[in-house]
Amino acid sequence: MLKTIPYYFYQVDAIESWLDEQAQKGLFLLETRLGTAMSFRKETPRAVRYRIDVKRSIGYTDEKARIAAYREMGWEYVCRTKDGIFYIWRGDKTA
């Protein structure tokens, strides 16, 4: 399922919240497309949290090292934007 992103990509907090809401409806992000749309897969609804991170924000330029570091912190790599600037992660929602 393809959905148009209802925010500009610099509105990171709003997009993260929107992705959280989509997961509660059973739609889980697969990939970004054309910078204005996201592709979702349908699953059983559950509470998760999404995080959007800028490529250079934690100093990892090596993608494998970046993914490994986030995995150690409990995040699952979902995808990145086509321009490679934003990385999108998903994690279990904790109380």
Protein backbone atom coordinates (compact mmCIF):
# COMPACT_ATOMS: atom_id res chain seq x y z
CA MET A 1 0.00 0.00 0.00
CA LEU A 2 1.33 3.42 -0.97
CA LYS A 3 0.54 6.56 1.05
CA THR A 4 1.53 10.18 0.52
CA ILE A 5 3.56 11.62 3.39
CA PRO A 6 1.33 14.33 4.93
CA TYR A 7 4.31 16.46 6.05
CA TYR A 8 7.54 17.92 4.68
CA PHE A 9 10.50 15.65 5.39
CA TYR A 10 12.09 18.24 7.67
CA GLN A 11 9.05 17.81 9.99
CA VAL A 12 10.71 14.77 11.54
CA ASP A 13 8.70 14.64 14.78
CA ALA A 14 5.39 14.82 12.89
CA ILE A 15 6.40 12.06 10.48
CA GLU A 16 7.59 9.83 13.33
CA SER A 17 4.23 10.27 15.09
CA TRP A 18 2.35 9.62 11.85
CA LEU A 19 4.32 6.39 11.30
CA ASP A 20 3.54 5.33 14.90
CA GLU A 21 -0.17 5.90 14.16
CA GLN A 22 0.02 3.88 10.94
CA ALA A 23 1.49 0.92 12.87
CA GLN A 24 -1.38 1.11 15.35
CA LYS A 25 -3.67 0.70 12.31
CA GLY A 26 -1.62 -2.29 11.09
CA LEU A 27 0.44 -0.50 8.41
CA PHE A 28 4.21 -0.94 8.73
CA LEU A 29 6.71 1.02 6.67
CA LEU A 30 8.61 -0.84 3.95
CA GLU A 31 10.30 1.94 1.98
CA THR A 32 10.15 5.57 0.91
CA ARG A 33 9.38 6.44 -2.69
CA LEU A 34 10.02 9.63 -4.63
CA GLY A 35 10.49 11.63 -1.42
CA THR A 36 6.74 12.19 -1.09
CA ALA A 37 5.33 8.70 -0.53
CA MET A 38 5.89 5.65 1.62
CA SER A 39 5.11 2.02 0.95
CA PHE A 40 3.52 -0.03 3.76
CA ARG A 41 2.76 -3.69 4.45
CA LYS A 42 -0.38 -4.80 6.30
CA GLU A 43 0.12 -6.73 9.57
CA THR A 44 -1.58 -7.12 12.90
CA PRO A 45 -1.76 -3.67 14.53
CA ARG A 46 0.70 -3.09 17.36
CA ALA A 47 2.33 -0.21 19.16
CA VAL A 48 5.81 0.56 17.88
CA ARG A 49 7.87 3.71 17.65
CA TYR A 50 9.72 5.09 14.66
CA ARG A 51 12.84 7.20 14.60
CA ILE A 52 14.16 9.23 11.69
CA ASP A 53 17.85 9.98 11.87
CA VAL A 54 20.07 12.16 9.72
CA LYS A 55 22.99 10.25 8.22
CA ARG A 56 25.74 12.28 9.85
CA SER A 57 24.09 12.89 13.23
CA ILE A 58 25.98 10.20 15.19
CA GLY A 59 29.18 10.14 13.16
CA TYR A 60 28.70 6.82 11.37
CA THR A 61 29.54 7.13 7.70
CA ASP A 62 29.73 3.34 7.23
CA GLU A 63 26.15 2.09 6.78
CA LYS A 64 26.88 -1.39 8.21
CA ALA A 65 28.42 0.11 11.37
CA ARG A 66 25.48 2.48 11.72
CA ILE A 67 22.94 -0.34 11.44
CA ALA A 68 24.90 -2.48 13.94
CA ALA A 69 25.09 0.39 16.45
CA TYR A 70 21.36 1.04 16.29
CA ARG A 71 20.60 -2.68 16.50
CA GLU A 72 22.58 -2.80 19.76
CA MET A 73 20.32 -0.02 21.05
CA GLY A 74 17.21 -2.05 20.18
CA TRP A 75 16.28 -0.43 16.85
CA GLU A 76 15.45 -2.29 13.65
CA TYR A 77 16.62 -0.69 10.39
CA VAL A 78 13.63 -0.17 8.09
CA CYS A 79 14.87 1.90 5.15
CA ARG A 80 16.45 5.16 4.12
CA THR A 81 15.28 7.90 1.84
CA LYS A 82 16.38 7.61 -1.79
CA ASP A 83 18.86 10.46 -1.34
CA GLY A 84 20.46 8.57 1.57
CA ILE A 85 20.16 11.46 4.00
CA PHE A 86 17.47 10.11 6.35
CA TYR A 87 17.50 6.66 7.94
CA ILE A 88 14.29 5.24 9.38
CA TRP A 89 14.25 2.85 12.34
CA ARG A 90 11.53 0.96 14.18
CA GLY A 91 11.53 -0.22 17.80
CA ASP A 92 9.21 -1.76 20.34
CA LYS A 93 7.21 0.80 22.23
CA THR A 94 8.16 0.73 25.88
CA ALA A 95 6.27 2.20 28.77
